[in-house]
Amino acid sequence: MSSGENAEHDRPAVVDRVNVALIAEAVEALAKLQERTHLKKVDLVNRALLVYEFVDEELRAGNQVVLRDAEGREQLVKIFL
């Protein structure tokens, strides 16, 4: 295996700890996500941050976020950063 081939496993599992106060809407969203996904809070928060960073980068690059339903209809998502 080359040195860069499995770089993800070279990183420590926890590289930073953050304590945050969540607003009521975020607490409700987190509870709903836990019920649907059966994931831990820490996993959901990590995933949410990764999605937010991706969306932010794409929007700043001039791209749009579009959702497509099961029938193929598209809807532009307005996100205010």
N, C-alpha and C. Protein backbone atom coordinates (compact mmCIF):
# COMPACT_ATOMS: atom_id res chain seq x y z
N MET A 1 0.85 -1.17 0.00
CA MET A 1 0.00 0.00 0.00
C MET A 1 0.90 1.23 0.00
N SER A 2 0.62 2.20 -0.86
CA SER A 2 1.42 3.42 -0.91
C SER A 2 1.06 4.32 0.26
N SER A 3 1.94 5.27 0.57
CA SER A 3 1.74 6.13 1.74
C SER A 3 0.47 6.96 1.66
N GLY A 4 0.06 7.41 0.48
CA GLY A 4 -1.13 8.23 0.34
C GLY A 4 -2.39 7.46 0.07
N GLU A 5 -2.26 6.15 -0.12
CA GLU A 5 -3.39 5.34 -0.52
C GLU A 5 -4.47 5.26 0.55
N ASN A 6 -4.08 5.26 1.82
CA ASN A 6 -5.05 5.13 2.90
C ASN A 6 -4.84 6.23 3.92
N ALA A 7 -4.75 7.46 3.45
CA ALA A 7 -4.44 8.59 4.31
C ALA A 7 -5.50 8.82 5.37
N GLU A 8 -6.76 8.45 5.11
CA GLU A 8 -7.83 8.67 6.08
C GLU A 8 -7.55 7.93 7.37
N HIS A 9 -6.97 6.74 7.28
CA HIS A 9 -6.68 5.96 8.48
C HIS A 9 -5.46 6.50 9.22
N ASP A 10 -4.68 7.37 8.61
CA ASP A 10 -3.53 7.97 9.26
C ASP A 10 -3.93 9.10 10.20
N ARG A 11 -5.11 9.65 10.01
CA ARG A 11 -5.57 10.77 10.84
C ARG A 11 -6.17 10.25 12.13
N PRO A 12 -5.99 10.99 13.23
CA PRO A 12 -6.63 10.58 14.49
C PRO A 12 -8.15 10.66 14.35
N ALA A 13 -8.86 9.81 15.09
CA ALA A 13 -10.33 9.79 15.01
C ALA A 13 -10.92 11.10 15.50
N VAL A 14 -10.37 11.66 16.56
CA VAL A 14 -10.86 12.93 17.10
C VAL A 14 -9.72 13.93 17.03
N VAL A 15 -9.95 15.02 16.30
CA VAL A 15 -8.90 16.03 16.18
C VAL A 15 -9.28 17.33 16.87
N ASP A 16 -10.54 17.49 17.26
CA ASP A 16 -10.97 18.69 17.96
C ASP A 16 -12.28 18.39 18.68
N ARG A 17 -12.45 19.00 19.80
CA ARG A 17 -13.72 18.88 20.55
C ARG A 17 -14.32 20.28 20.67
N VAL A 18 -15.64 20.36 20.46
CA VAL A 18 -16.34 21.63 20.52
C VAL A 18 -17.63 21.43 21.31
N ASN A 19 -17.87 22.31 22.26
CA ASN A 19 -19.14 22.32 22.98
C ASN A 19 -19.99 23.43 22.40
N VAL A 20 -21.22 23.11 22.02
CA VAL A 20 -22.09 24.11 21.41
C VAL A 20 -23.45 24.13 22.11
N ALA A 21 -24.07 25.30 22.08
CA ALA A 21 -25.44 25.45 22.57
C ALA A 21 -26.35 25.47 21.34
N LEU A 22 -27.28 24.55 21.28
CA LEU A 22 -28.17 24.45 20.13
C LEU A 22 -29.47 25.21 20.38
N ILE A 23 -29.97 25.87 19.32
CA ILE A 23 -31.27 26.51 19.41
C ILE A 23 -32.35 25.42 19.36
N ALA A 24 -33.55 25.78 19.75
CA ALA A 24 -34.65 24.81 19.85
C ALA A 24 -34.87 24.06 18.53
N GLU A 25 -34.84 24.78 17.42
CA GLU A 25 -35.08 24.15 16.11
C GLU A 25 -34.00 23.12 15.78
N ALA A 26 -32.77 23.42 16.16
CA ALA A 26 -31.67 22.48 15.91
C ALA A 26 -31.81 21.24 16.78
N VAL A 27 -32.25 21.42 18.02
CA VAL A 27 -32.48 20.28 18.92
C VAL A 27 -33.55 19.36 18.33
N GLU A 28 -34.63 19.96 17.83
CA GLU A 28 -35.72 19.18 17.22
C GLU A 28 -35.22 18.45 15.97
N ALA A 29 -34.46 19.15 15.14
CA ALA A 29 -33.92 18.52 13.92
C ALA A 29 -33.00 17.38 14.27
N LEU A 30 -32.17 17.56 15.27
CA LEU A 30 -31.24 16.51 15.70
C LEU A 30 -32.00 15.29 16.20
N ALA A 31 -33.05 15.52 16.98
CA ALA A 31 -33.86 14.41 17.49
C ALA A 31 -34.54 13.65 16.36
N LYS A 32 -35.08 14.38 15.38
CA LYS A 32 -35.72 13.73 14.23
C LYS A 32 -34.72 12.90 13.43
N LEU A 33 -33.53 13.48 13.23
CA LEU A 33 -32.50 12.75 12.49
C LEU A 33 -32.04 11.51 13.24
N GLN A 34 -31.91 11.60 14.55
CA GLN A 34 -31.52 10.43 15.34
C GLN A 34 -32.57 9.33 15.23
N GLU A 35 -33.83 9.72 15.28
CA GLU A 35 -34.91 8.74 15.19
C GLU A 35 -34.91 8.04 13.82
N ARG A 36 -34.71 8.83 12.75
CA ARG A 36 -34.72 8.27 11.40
C ARG A 36 -33.48 7.46 11.06
N THR A 37 -32.32 7.94 11.51
CA THR A 37 -31.06 7.34 11.07
C THR A 37 -30.43 6.39 12.08
N HIS A 38 -30.80 6.54 13.36
CA HIS A 38 -30.20 5.76 14.45
C HIS A 38 -28.71 6.05 14.60
N LEU A 39 -28.29 7.24 14.15
CA LEU A 39 -26.89 7.66 14.31
C LEU A 39 -26.73 8.43 15.61
N LYS A 40 -25.50 8.48 16.10
CA LYS A 40 -25.18 9.26 17.30
C LYS A 40 -25.19 10.74 16.95
N LYS A 41 -25.44 11.57 17.97
CA LYS A 41 -25.44 13.02 17.78
C LYS A 41 -24.14 13.50 17.14
N VAL A 42 -23.03 12.99 17.63
CA VAL A 42 -21.73 13.43 17.11
C VAL A 42 -21.60 13.11 15.63
N ASP A 43 -22.10 11.96 15.20
CA ASP A 43 -22.02 11.59 13.79
C ASP A 43 -22.91 12.50 12.94
N LEU A 44 -24.09 12.83 13.44
CA LEU A 44 -24.99 13.71 12.72
C LEU A 44 -24.42 15.12 12.60
N VAL A 45 -23.83 15.63 13.68
CA VAL A 45 -23.24 16.97 13.64
C VAL A 45 -22.06 16.99 12.67
N ASN A 46 -21.22 15.97 12.71
CA ASN A 46 -20.10 15.91 11.78
C ASN A 46 -20.58 15.88 10.33
N ARG A 47 -21.58 15.07 10.05
CA ARG A 47 -22.12 15.00 8.68
C ARG A 47 -22.74 16.32 8.26
N ALA A 48 -23.47 16.96 9.19
CA ALA A 48 -24.11 18.24 8.88
C ALA A 48 -23.06 19.29 8.52
N LEU A 49 -21.97 19.33 9.25
CA LEU A 49 -20.91 20.30 8.95
C LEU A 49 -20.27 20.02 7.60
N LEU A 50 -20.07 18.76 7.27
CA LEU A 50 -19.48 18.43 5.98
C LEU A 50 -20.41 18.82 4.83
N VAL A 51 -21.71 18.59 5.00
CA VAL A 51 -22.68 18.98 3.97
C VAL A 51 -22.72 20.50 3.85
N TYR A 52 -22.74 21.20 4.97
CA TYR A 52 -22.79 22.66 4.95
C TYR A 52 -21.56 23.23 4.25
N GLU A 53 -20.40 22.69 4.55
CA GLU A 53 -19.17 23.18 3.92
C GLU A 53 -19.22 22.96 2.41
N PHE A 54 -19.71 21.79 1.97
CA PHE A 54 -19.82 21.49 0.56
C PHE A 54 -20.78 22.47 -0.13
N VAL A 55 -21.95 22.68 0.46
CA VAL A 55 -22.95 23.58 -0.12
C VAL A 55 -22.41 25.00 -0.17
N ASP A 56 -21.77 25.45 0.89
CA ASP A 56 -21.20 26.79 0.93
C ASP A 56 -20.17 26.97 -0.18
N GLU A 57 -19.30 26.00 -0.35
CA GLU A 57 -18.27 26.08 -1.39
C GLU A 57 -18.90 26.15 -2.78
N GLU A 58 -19.91 25.33 -3.02
CA GLU A 58 -20.57 25.31 -4.33
C GLU A 58 -21.29 26.62 -4.61
N LEU A 59 -22.01 27.15 -3.63
CA LEU A 59 -22.73 28.40 -3.82
C LEU A 59 -21.76 29.55 -4.07
N ARG A 60 -20.66 29.58 -3.33
CA ARG A 60 -19.66 30.64 -3.53
C ARG A 60 -18.98 30.53 -4.89
N ALA A 61 -19.00 29.34 -5.48
CA ALA A 61 -18.44 29.14 -6.81
C ALA A 61 -19.46 29.50 -7.90
N GLY A 62 -20.66 29.94 -7.48
CA GLY A 62 -21.68 30.35 -8.45
C GLY A 62 -22.63 29.24 -8.86
N ASN A 63 -22.54 28.09 -8.22
CA ASN A 63 -23.43 26.97 -8.56
C ASN A 63 -24.73 27.07 -7.78
N GLN A 64 -25.71 26.28 -8.17
CA GLN A 64 -27.01 26.25 -7.51
C GLN A 64 -27.25 24.89 -6.89
N VAL A 65 -28.09 24.87 -5.87
CA VAL A 65 -28.52 23.62 -5.26
C VAL A 65 -29.92 23.33 -5.77
N VAL A 66 -30.09 22.16 -6.39
CA VAL A 66 -31.38 21.79 -6.97
C VAL A 66 -31.76 20.41 -6.44
N LEU A 67 -33.02 20.27 -6.02
CA LEU A 67 -33.54 18.97 -5.60
C LEU A 67 -34.39 18.41 -6.73
N ARG A 68 -34.31 17.10 -6.94
CA ARG A 68 -35.12 16.44 -7.96
C ARG A 68 -35.95 15.38 -7.25
N ASP A 69 -37.28 15.44 -7.40
CA ASP A 69 -38.13 14.45 -6.76
C ASP A 69 -38.15 13.15 -7.55
N ALA A 70 -38.88 12.18 -7.05
CA ALA A 70 -38.90 10.85 -7.67
C ALA A 70 -39.43 10.87 -9.10
N GLU A 71 -40.25 11.86 -9.43
CA GLU A 71 -40.80 11.97 -10.78
C GLU A 71 -39.89 12.78 -11.71
N GLY A 72 -38.78 13.27 -11.19
CA GLY A 72 -37.84 14.01 -12.02
C GLY A 72 -38.05 15.51 -12.03
N ARG A 73 -39.04 15.99 -11.26
CA ARG A 73 -39.27 17.44 -11.19
C ARG A 73 -38.19 18.08 -10.35
N GLU A 74 -37.67 19.21 -10.83
CA GLU A 74 -36.60 19.90 -10.12
C GLU A 74 -37.13 21.11 -9.38
N GLN A 75 -36.50 21.40 -8.25
CA GLN A 75 -36.84 22.56 -7.46
C GLN A 75 -35.55 23.22 -7.00
N LEU A 76 -35.40 24.50 -7.32
CA LEU A 76 -34.23 25.25 -6.87
C LEU A 76 -34.34 25.50 -5.38
N VAL A 77 -33.27 25.23 -4.65
CA VAL A 77 -33.25 25.43 -3.20
C VAL A 77 -32.58 26.76 -2.91
N LYS A 78 -33.29 27.63 -2.21
CA LYS A 78 -32.71 28.92 -1.85
C LYS A 78 -32.07 28.78 -0.47
N ILE A 79 -30.78 29.02 -0.43
CA ILE A 79 -30.03 28.91 0.82
C ILE A 79 -29.36 30.24 1.07
N PHE A 80 -29.57 30.78 2.25
CA PHE A 80 -28.97 32.06 2.60
C PHE A 80 -27.83 31.81 3.57
N LEU A 81 -26.64 32.21 3.15
CA LEU A 81 -25.47 31.99 4.00
C LEU A 81 -25.07 33.28 4.68
